[in-house]
Amino acid sequence: MKISIFALALTAVALRAAIGQEVTSSPPPERSVPDKADTSRSDPSVSVTTEKTASPTPKPKQKTEASPSPTKASSPVPSKTSASPSPTAASAAVSPAKKSTPEATIREIETQWEASVMRHDPSVAQASLADDFRGVSSTGKLMSKANLLAELKKDTETYTSTKAGKIDVRVFNGQFAVATGTSIEAGKSKDGKEFKRTFRWTDVWALRQDKWQCIASQAMLLP
């Protein structure tokens, strides 16, 4: 009987030992991998030095570190004596500005030309007509520069007034111009009869060697 009880005790001990081995041999439950923040806190292998040497997040520059903005005194102001003259000023010194526009110049010549008729002065026509001038008189006669000057010289009428009316001038490409206008002449003919005539005319001008010259003309007597 004692033997049976002892055998049962041995069997119980053996069973306990086997159960203990199974419990100890079973692997522990897996742990979830903590995030980086938790690892740095729980893992003792992470040294404090490593955390210090890691590149820190750049901090915004403070006002004292910002580069100073340039002030008025930092940029030198050139003096008037050291400044080089501008190209415009240099060119203006070499080429003086014209006194008037082409339109105004031609109007002035036309006005002087008409005024010279009263004085029987051919100098204005002499200077204004081109050598290759061609014109048509109020009577339909074709005239050259020499013909027109001869007509002015042999004119024996007495004038009390010669003046140009409204003169319109159109300039083309700065080299040619067309002037249209009227002229009113009053006086006495060689037989003593008074007259008052109005002409309408067209003159063509060309700029040659910086001088405006009349190259063609046509006139008609208005009724």
C-alpha atoms as a PDB file:
ATOM      1  CA  MET A   1       0.000   0.000   0.000  1.00  0.00           C
ATOM      2  CA  LYS A   2       2.844   2.350   0.904  1.00  0.00           C
ATOM      3  CA  ILE A   3       4.484   1.425  -2.352  1.00  0.00           C
ATOM      4  CA  SER A   4       1.384   2.415  -4.327  1.00  0.00           C
ATOM      5  CA  ILE A   5       1.110   5.727  -2.527  1.00  0.00           C
ATOM      6  CA  PHE A   6       4.814   6.409  -3.101  1.00  0.00           C
ATOM      7  CA  ALA A   7       4.418   5.595  -6.777  1.00  0.00           C
ATOM      8  CA  LEU A   8       1.505   7.936  -7.076  1.00  0.00           C
ATOM      9  CA  ALA A   9       3.552  10.683  -5.399  1.00  0.00           C
ATOM     10  CA  LEU A  10       6.411  10.155  -7.824  1.00  0.00           C
ATOM     11  CA  THR A  11       3.975  10.305 -10.705  1.00  0.00           C
ATOM     12  CA  ALA A  12       2.554  13.595  -9.452  1.00  0.00           C
ATOM     13  CA  VAL A  13       5.982  15.082  -9.066  1.00  0.00           C
ATOM     14  CA  ALA A  14       6.899  14.021 -12.586  1.00  0.00           C
ATOM     15  CA  LEU A  15       3.746  15.578 -13.960  1.00  0.00           C
ATOM     16  CA  ARG A  16       4.472  18.833 -12.139  1.00  0.00           C
ATOM     17  CA  ALA A  17       7.978  18.889 -13.507  1.00  0.00           C
ATOM     18  CA  ALA A  18       6.727  18.315 -17.027  1.00  0.00           C
ATOM     19  CA  ILE A  19       4.148  21.059 -16.724  1.00  0.00           C
ATOM     20  CA  GLY A  20       6.810  23.410 -15.359  1.00  0.00           C
ATOM     21  CA  GLN A  21       9.052  22.731 -18.337  1.00  0.00           C
ATOM     22  CA  GLU A  22       6.222  23.443 -20.754  1.00  0.00           C
ATOM     23  CA  VAL A  23       5.495  26.719 -18.998  1.00  0.00           C
ATOM     24  CA  THR A  24       9.128  27.796 -18.955  1.00  0.00           C
ATOM     25  CA  SER A  25       9.816  26.626 -22.514  1.00  0.00           C
ATOM     26  CA  SER A  26       6.889  28.539 -24.046  1.00  0.00           C
ATOM     27  CA  PRO A  27       8.177  31.817 -25.560  1.00  0.00           C
ATOM     28  CA  PRO A  28       7.067  35.094 -24.033  1.00  0.00           C
ATOM     29  CA  PRO A  29       4.432  37.039 -25.894  1.00  0.00           C
ATOM     30  CA  GLU A  30       5.806  39.373 -28.628  1.00  0.00           C
ATOM     31  CA  ARG A  31       6.058  43.039 -27.778  1.00  0.00           C
ATOM     32  CA  SER A  32       4.876  45.703 -30.153  1.00  0.00           C
ATOM     33  CA  VAL A  33       7.695  47.831 -31.580  1.00  0.00           C
ATOM     34  CA  PRO A  34       7.519  51.221 -29.934  1.00  0.00           C
ATOM     35  CA  ASP A  35       7.817  54.371 -31.992  1.00  0.00           C
ATOM     36  CA  LYS A  36      10.985  56.371 -32.219  1.00  0.00           C
ATOM     37  CA  ALA A  37      10.044  58.625 -29.362  1.00  0.00           C
ATOM     38  CA  ASP A  38       9.365  55.690 -27.009  1.00  0.00           C
ATOM     39  CA  THR A  39      12.584  53.891 -28.067  1.00  0.00           C
ATOM     40  CA  SER A  40      14.693  56.839 -27.169  1.00  0.00           C
ATOM     41  CA  ARG A  41      13.143  56.927 -23.738  1.00  0.00           C
ATOM     42  CA  SER A  42      13.143  53.180 -22.947  1.00  0.00           C
ATOM     43  CA  ASP A  43      16.305  52.003 -24.683  1.00  0.00           C
ATOM     44  CA  PRO A  44      19.274  52.689 -22.447  1.00  0.00           C
ATOM     45  CA  SER A  45      21.699  52.138 -25.345  1.00  0.00           C
ATOM     46  CA  VAL A  46      20.805  55.504 -26.802  1.00  0.00           C
ATOM     47  CA  SER A  47      23.348  57.895 -25.403  1.00  0.00           C
ATOM     48  CA  VAL A  48      22.701  61.490 -24.521  1.00  0.00           C
ATOM     49  CA  THR A  49      25.705  62.508 -26.568  1.00  0.00           C
ATOM     50  CA  THR A  50      24.159  61.180 -29.753  1.00  0.00           C
ATOM     51  CA  GLU A  51      21.045  63.244 -29.164  1.00  0.00           C
ATOM     52  CA  LYS A  52      23.166  66.374 -28.626  1.00  0.00           C
ATOM     53  CA  THR A  53      25.272  65.924 -31.746  1.00  0.00           C
ATOM     54  CA  ALA A  54      22.275  65.462 -34.023  1.00  0.00           C
ATOM     55  CA  SER A  55      21.692  68.405 -36.333  1.00  0.00           C
ATOM     56  CA  PRO A  56      19.348  70.754 -34.502  1.00  0.00           C
ATOM     57  CA  THR A  57      16.453  72.421 -36.193  1.00  0.00           C
ATOM     58  CA  PRO A  58      17.666  75.808 -37.486  1.00  0.00           C
ATOM     59  CA  LYS A  59      16.288  78.633 -35.467  1.00  0.00           C
ATOM     60  CA  PRO A  60      15.027  81.781 -37.158  1.00  0.00           C
ATOM     61  CA  LYS A  61      17.537  84.600 -37.163  1.00  0.00           C
ATOM     62  CA  GLN A  62      16.953  87.170 -34.573  1.00  0.00           C
ATOM     63  CA  LYS A  63      16.817  90.837 -35.353  1.00  0.00           C
ATOM     64  CA  THR A  64      20.338  91.325 -34.012  1.00  0.00           C
ATOM     65  CA  GLU A  65      21.744  88.702 -36.495  1.00  0.00           C
ATOM     66  CA  ALA A  66      20.006  90.136 -39.576  1.00  0.00           C
ATOM     67  CA  SER A  67      22.293  91.955 -42.009  1.00  0.00           C
ATOM     68  CA  PRO A  68      21.830  95.681 -41.598  1.00  0.00           C
ATOM     69  CA  SER A  69      19.936  97.356 -44.408  1.00  0.00           C
ATOM     70  CA  PRO A  70      21.917  99.958 -46.372  1.00  0.00           C
ATOM     71  CA  THR A  71      21.305 103.486 -45.331  1.00  0.00           C
ATOM     72  CA  LYS A  72      21.508 106.670 -47.404  1.00  0.00           C
ATOM     73  CA  ALA A  73      24.995 107.277 -46.075  1.00  0.00           C
ATOM     74  CA  SER A  74      26.254 103.821 -47.180  1.00  0.00           C
ATOM     75  CA  SER A  75      25.679 104.519 -50.897  1.00  0.00           C
ATOM     76  CA  PRO A  76      27.898 107.404 -52.016  1.00  0.00           C
ATOM     77  CA  VAL A  77      26.159 110.110 -53.999  1.00  0.00           C
ATOM     78  CA  PRO A  78      28.158 111.180 -57.075  1.00  0.00           C
ATOM     79  CA  SER A  79      28.994 114.828 -57.104  1.00  0.00           C
ATOM     80  CA  LYS A  80      28.063 117.053 -60.038  1.00  0.00           C
ATOM     81  CA  THR A  81      31.696 117.693 -60.858  1.00  0.00           C
ATOM     82  CA  SER A  82      32.648 114.012 -61.123  1.00  0.00           C
ATOM     83  CA  ALA A  83      29.587 112.914 -63.101  1.00  0.00           C
ATOM     84  CA  SER A  84      30.216 112.344 -66.795  1.00  0.00           C
ATOM     85  CA  PRO A  85      27.946 114.270 -69.194  1.00  0.00           C
ATOM     86  CA  SER A  86      25.003 112.378 -70.629  1.00  0.00           C
ATOM     87  CA  PRO A  87      25.011 111.434 -74.356  1.00  0.00           C
ATOM     88  CA  THR A  88      22.021 113.684 -74.918  1.00  0.00           C
ATOM     89  CA  ALA A  89      23.797 116.721 -73.543  1.00  0.00           C
ATOM     90  CA  ALA A  90      26.919 115.947 -75.586  1.00  0.00           C
ATOM     91  CA  SER A  91      24.978 115.537 -78.805  1.00  0.00           C
ATOM     92  CA  ALA A  92      23.024 118.718 -78.119  1.00  0.00           C
ATOM     93  CA  ALA A  93      26.300 120.613 -77.771  1.00  0.00           C
ATOM     94  CA  VAL A  94      27.522 119.304 -81.122  1.00  0.00           C
ATOM     95  CA  SER A  95      24.221 119.624 -83.028  1.00  0.00           C
ATOM     96  CA  PRO A  96      22.238 122.681 -81.942  1.00  0.00           C
ATOM     97  CA  ALA A  97      18.466 122.355 -82.001  1.00  0.00           C
ATOM     98  CA  LYS A  98      16.633 123.686 -85.026  1.00  0.00           C
ATOM     99  CA  LYS A  99      14.974 127.028 -84.565  1.00  0.00           C
ATOM    100  CA  SER A 100      11.643 125.939 -86.031  1.00  0.00           C
ATOM    101  CA  THR A 101       9.795 123.026 -87.584  1.00  0.00           C
ATOM    102  CA  PRO A 102       9.817 122.404 -91.367  1.00  0.00           C
ATOM    103  CA  GLU A 103       6.199 123.570 -91.553  1.00  0.00           C
ATOM    104  CA  ALA A 104       7.015 126.863 -89.846  1.00  0.00           C
ATOM    105  CA  THR A 105      10.133 127.362 -91.973  1.00  0.00           C
ATOM    106  CA  ILE A 106       8.252 126.895 -95.242  1.00  0.00           C
ATOM    107  CA  ARG A 107       5.397 129.170 -94.141  1.00  0.00           C
ATOM    108  CA  GLU A 108       7.920 131.874 -93.325  1.00  0.00           C
ATOM    109  CA  ILE A 109       9.594 131.567 -96.739  1.00  0.00           C
ATOM    110  CA  GLU A 110       6.222 131.712 -98.539  1.00  0.00           C
ATOM    111  CA  THR A 111       5.236 134.822 -96.570  1.00  0.00           C
ATOM    112  CA  GLN A 112       8.524 136.562 -97.335  1.00  0.00           C
ATOM    113  CA  TRP A 113       8.293 135.571-100.986  1.00  0.00           C
ATOM    114  CA  GLU A 114       4.878 137.191-101.363  1.00  0.00           C
ATOM    115  CA  ALA A 115       6.007 140.305 -99.484  1.00  0.00           C
ATOM    116  CA  SER A 116       8.976 140.701-101.846  1.00  0.00           C
ATOM    117  CA  VAL A 117       6.602 141.051-104.827  1.00  0.00           C
ATOM    118  CA  MET A 118       5.494 144.497-103.643  1.00  0.00           C
ATOM    119  CA  ARG A 119       9.132 145.684-103.507  1.00  0.00           C
ATOM    120  CA  HIS A 120      10.034 144.076-106.837  1.00  0.00           C
ATOM    121  CA  ASP A 121      12.781 142.268-104.951  1.00  0.00           C
ATOM    122  CA  PRO A 122      13.818 138.969-106.627  1.00  0.00           C
ATOM    123  CA  SER A 123      16.297 137.995-103.873  1.00  0.00           C
ATOM    124  CA  VAL A 124      13.838 135.785-101.964  1.00  0.00           C
ATOM    125  CA  ALA A 125      12.850 133.872-105.110  1.00  0.00           C
ATOM    126  CA  GLN A 126      16.506 133.633-106.126  1.00  0.00           C
ATOM    127  CA  ALA A 127      17.421 131.986-102.826  1.00  0.00           C
ATOM    128  CA  SER A 128      14.306 129.810-102.544  1.00  0.00           C
ATOM    129  CA  LEU A 129      13.929 128.381-106.065  1.00  0.00           C
ATOM    130  CA  ALA A 130      15.880 125.253-106.985  1.00  0.00           C
ATOM    131  CA  ASP A 131      18.017 125.379-110.124  1.00  0.00           C
ATOM    132  CA  ASP A 132      15.862 122.601-111.626  1.00  0.00           C
ATOM    133  CA  PHE A 133      12.604 124.372-110.714  1.00  0.00           C
ATOM    134  CA  ARG A 134       9.589 123.915-112.981  1.00  0.00           C
ATOM    135  CA  GLY A 135       6.371 125.859-112.591  1.00  0.00           C
ATOM    136  CA  VAL A 136       3.125 126.839-114.281  1.00  0.00           C
ATOM    137  CA  SER A 137       2.055 130.503-114.108  1.00  0.00           C
ATOM    138  CA  SER A 138      -1.506 131.759-113.581  1.00  0.00           C
ATOM    139  CA  THR A 139      -1.798 132.190-117.340  1.00  0.00           C
ATOM    140  CA  GLY A 140      -0.733 128.593-118.012  1.00  0.00           C
ATOM    141  CA  LYS A 141       2.827 129.397-119.060  1.00  0.00           C
ATOM    142  CA  LEU A 142       5.548 126.825-118.252  1.00  0.00           C
ATOM    143  CA  MET A 143       8.391 128.521-116.407  1.00  0.00           C
ATOM    144  CA  SER A 144      11.891 127.691-115.214  1.00  0.00           C
ATOM    145  CA  LYS A 145      13.807 129.489-112.483  1.00  0.00           C
ATOM    146  CA  ALA A 146      15.319 131.873-115.000  1.00  0.00           C
ATOM    147  CA  ASN A 147      11.901 132.612-116.550  1.00  0.00           C
ATOM    148  CA  LEU A 148      10.289 133.373-113.206  1.00  0.00           C
ATOM    149  CA  LEU A 149      13.109 135.680-112.119  1.00  0.00           C
ATOM    150  CA  ALA A 150      12.901 137.515-115.445  1.00  0.00           C
ATOM    151  CA  GLU A 151       9.145 138.059-114.977  1.00  0.00           C
ATOM    152  CA  LEU A 152       9.717 139.541-111.544  1.00  0.00           C
ATOM    153  CA  LYS A 153      12.351 141.942-112.832  1.00  0.00           C
ATOM    154  CA  LYS A 154      10.270 143.322-115.690  1.00  0.00           C
ATOM    155  CA  ASP A 155       7.109 143.760-113.612  1.00  0.00           C
ATOM    156  CA  THR A 156       6.140 147.465-113.730  1.00  0.00           C
ATOM    157  CA  GLU A 157       2.950 147.331-111.677  1.00  0.00           C
ATOM    158  CA  THR A 158       2.689 149.348-108.486  1.00  0.00           C
ATOM    159  CA  TYR A 159       1.573 147.384-105.434  1.00  0.00           C
ATOM    160  CA  THR A 160      -0.102 148.805-102.370  1.00  0.00           C
ATOM    161  CA  SER A 161      -0.430 145.429-100.637  1.00  0.00           C
ATOM    162  CA  THR A 162       0.792 141.897-101.189  1.00  0.00           C
ATOM    163  CA  LYS A 163       0.145 139.318 -98.529  1.00  0.00           C
ATOM    164  CA  ALA A 164      -0.246 135.566 -98.228  1.00  0.00           C
ATOM    165  CA  GLY A 165      -3.440 134.046 -96.897  1.00  0.00           C
ATOM    166  CA  LYS A 166      -3.721 130.842 -94.916  1.00  0.00           C
ATOM    167  CA  ILE A 167      -0.866 128.471 -95.826  1.00  0.00           C
ATOM    168  CA  ASP A 168      -1.141 124.734 -95.277  1.00  0.00           C
ATOM    169  CA  VAL A 169       2.094 122.720 -95.239  1.00  0.00           C
ATOM    170  CA  ARG A 170       2.372 118.933 -95.244  1.00  0.00           C
ATOM    171  CA  VAL A 171       5.785 117.309 -94.779  1.00  0.00           C
ATOM    172  CA  PHE A 172       6.538 113.828 -96.113  1.00  0.00           C
ATOM    173  CA  ASN A 173       9.325 111.714 -94.610  1.00  0.00           C
ATOM    174  CA  GLY A 174      11.118 114.863 -93.502  1.00  0.00           C
ATOM    175  CA  GLN A 175      12.461 115.413 -97.035  1.00  0.00           C
ATOM    176  CA  PHE A 176       9.536 116.745 -99.091  1.00  0.00           C
ATOM    177  CA  ALA A 177       6.708 119.160 -98.415  1.00  0.00           C
ATOM    178  CA  VAL A 178       3.626 120.435-100.230  1.00  0.00           C
ATOM    179  CA  ALA A 179       2.418 123.945 -99.449  1.00  0.00           C
ATOM    180  CA  THR A 180      -0.965 125.243-100.570  1.00  0.00           C
ATOM    181  CA  GLY A 181      -2.274 128.729 -99.970  1.00  0.00           C
ATOM    182  CA  THR A 182      -3.609 131.983-101.369  1.00  0.00           C
ATOM    183  CA  SER A 183      -2.080 135.346-102.157  1.00  0.00           C
ATOM    184  CA  ILE A 184      -3.900 138.668-102.339  1.00  0.00           C
ATOM    185  CA  GLU A 185      -2.333 141.502-104.326  1.00  0.00           C
ATOM    186  CA  ALA A 186      -3.693 145.048-104.666  1.00  0.00           C
ATOM    187  CA  GLY A 187      -2.324 148.077-106.530  1.00  0.00           C
ATOM    188  CA  LYS A 188      -2.327 149.854-109.891  1.00  0.00           C
ATOM    189  CA  SER A 189      -1.347 148.540-113.287  1.00  0.00           C
ATOM    190  CA  LYS A 190       1.059 150.391-115.614  1.00  0.00           C
ATOM    191  CA  ASP A 191      -1.908 152.182-117.253  1.00  0.00           C
ATOM    192  CA  GLY A 192      -3.090 153.476-113.847  1.00  0.00           C
ATOM    193  CA  LYS A 193      -6.012 151.102-113.327  1.00  0.00           C
ATOM    194  CA  GLU A 194      -6.510 149.756-109.840  1.00  0.00           C
ATOM    195  CA  PHE A 195      -6.611 145.991-109.353  1.00  0.00           C
ATOM    196  CA  LYS A 196      -7.104 143.445-106.626  1.00  0.00           C
ATOM    197  CA  ARG A 197      -6.227 139.894-107.508  1.00  0.00           C
ATOM    198  CA  THR A 198      -6.389 136.646-105.538  1.00  0.00           C
ATOM    199  CA  PHE A 199      -4.283 133.648-106.516  1.00  0.00           C
ATOM    200  CA  ARG A 200      -4.441 130.080-105.302  1.00  0.00           C
ATOM    201  CA  TRP A 201      -1.200 128.180-105.610  1.00  0.00           C
ATOM    202  CA  THR A 202       0.590 124.946-104.777  1.00  0.00           C
ATOM    203  CA  ASP A 203       4.345 124.766-104.155  1.00  0.00           C
ATOM    204  CA  VAL A 204       6.431 121.607-103.792  1.00  0.00           C
ATOM    205  CA  TRP A 205       9.514 121.787-101.564  1.00  0.00           C
ATOM    206  CA  ALA A 206      12.529 119.489-101.117  1.00  0.00           C
ATOM    207  CA  LEU A 207      15.147 119.489 -98.369  1.00  0.00           C
ATOM    208  CA  ARG A 208      18.569 119.669-100.017  1.00  0.00           C
ATOM    209  CA  GLN A 209      21.777 120.090 -98.044  1.00  0.00           C
ATOM    210  CA  ASP A 210      19.785 121.138 -94.990  1.00  0.00           C
ATOM    211  CA  LYS A 211      17.979 123.837 -96.981  1.00  0.00           C
ATOM    212  CA  TRP A 212      14.381 123.871 -98.224  1.00  0.00           C
ATOM    213  CA  GLN A 213      14.074 124.648-101.936  1.00  0.00           C
ATOM    214  CA  CYS A 214      10.980 125.071-104.111  1.00  0.00           C
ATOM    215  CA  ILE A 215      11.195 122.525-106.947  1.00  0.00           C
ATOM    216  CA  ALA A 216       7.702 122.931-108.508  1.00  0.00           C
ATOM    217  CA  SER A 217       4.822 125.413-108.440  1.00  0.00           C
ATOM    218  CA  GLN A 218       1.461 126.056-110.037  1.00  0.00           C
ATOM    219  CA  ALA A 219      -0.838 129.072-109.628  1.00  0.00           C
ATOM    220  CA  MET A 220      -4.258 130.080-110.827  1.00  0.00           C
ATOM    221  CA  LEU A 221      -6.132 133.386-110.767  1.00  0.00           C
ATOM    222  CA  LEU A 222      -9.427 133.195-108.893  1.00  0.00           C
ATOM    223  CA  PRO A 223     -12.421 135.040-110.436  1.00  0.00           C
END
